[in-house]
Protein backbone atom coordinates (compact mmCIF):
# COMPACT_ATOMS: atom_id res chain seq x y z
CA MET A 1 19.61 -5.43 14.70
CA HIS A 2 17.78 -8.32 13.11
CA LEU A 3 15.42 -8.02 10.51
CA ILE A 4 12.29 -10.06 10.36
CA SER A 5 9.88 -10.71 6.98
CA TYR A 6 7.67 -12.90 6.56
CA ASP A 7 4.35 -13.83 4.20
CA ILE A 8 1.77 -16.18 6.05
CA GLU A 9 -0.82 -17.28 3.94
CA ASP A 10 -2.83 -18.21 7.45
CA ASN A 11 -4.74 -15.82 9.54
CA LYS A 12 -4.41 -17.35 12.76
CA SER A 13 -0.43 -18.51 12.41
CA ARG A 14 0.58 -14.87 10.72
CA THR A 15 -1.40 -13.04 13.33
CA LYS A 16 0.45 -15.31 15.80
CA LEU A 17 3.70 -14.52 14.82
CA PHE A 18 2.70 -11.05 14.98
CA GLU A 19 1.70 -10.84 18.45
CA GLU A 20 4.76 -12.80 19.20
CA LEU A 21 7.33 -10.53 17.39
CA LYS A 22 5.73 -7.37 18.72
CA ASP A 23 5.96 -9.50 22.42
CA LEU A 24 9.79 -9.84 21.77
CA GLY A 25 10.12 -5.63 21.89
CA LEU A 26 10.77 -5.82 17.85
CA LEU A 27 9.33 -2.62 16.53
CA ASN A 28 6.64 -3.65 13.49
CA ILE A 29 7.61 -0.87 10.32
CA GLN A 30 4.90 -2.69 7.89
CA LYS A 31 2.53 -5.26 7.99
CA SER A 32 4.68 -8.94 7.81
CA VAL A 33 7.95 -6.45 8.95
CA PHE A 34 9.83 -6.12 12.01
CA TYR A 35 13.46 -5.27 12.80
CA GLY A 36 15.37 -4.00 16.35
CA GLU A 37 17.57 -5.96 18.54
CA LEU A 38 17.57 -9.78 20.15
CA SER A 39 18.96 -11.78 22.08
CA LYS A 40 20.61 -15.29 21.26
CA SER A 41 17.47 -16.91 22.49
CA GLU A 42 14.80 -14.83 21.38
CA ILE A 43 16.44 -15.64 18.40
CA LYS A 44 16.39 -19.26 18.69
CA VAL A 45 12.24 -18.27 19.55
CA VAL A 46 12.16 -16.66 16.89
CA LYS A 47 13.13 -19.30 14.62
CA GLU A 48 11.22 -22.36 16.16
CA LEU A 49 7.66 -19.72 15.77
CA SER A 50 8.23 -19.63 12.45
CA LYS A 51 8.78 -23.40 12.21
CA LYS A 52 5.93 -23.96 13.57
CA LEU A 53 3.59 -21.32 11.95
CA CYS A 54 4.51 -21.66 8.61
CA ASP A 55 3.46 -23.89 6.55
CA ASP A 56 4.47 -24.57 2.82
CA GLY A 57 3.95 -22.37 1.21
CA ASP A 58 4.69 -19.73 3.55
CA ARG A 59 7.74 -17.96 3.81
CA ALA A 60 10.04 -16.09 6.34
CA PHE A 61 13.47 -14.19 6.17
CA PHE A 62 15.58 -13.40 9.49
CA MET A 63 18.69 -11.27 8.93
């Protein structure tokens, strides 16, 4: 199981990441917290998305 949490200031980027995580089948347990199973390829997708959508002051946490 994976836990993903993020704090992204830009509304467009935050919404994009939210929708992408939802599309991967993760369960939204709070506004910016998701939980669920991910394959190795899906983990790579999430990492790339977070790099693309997070600016300097933003944070993303994967466990």
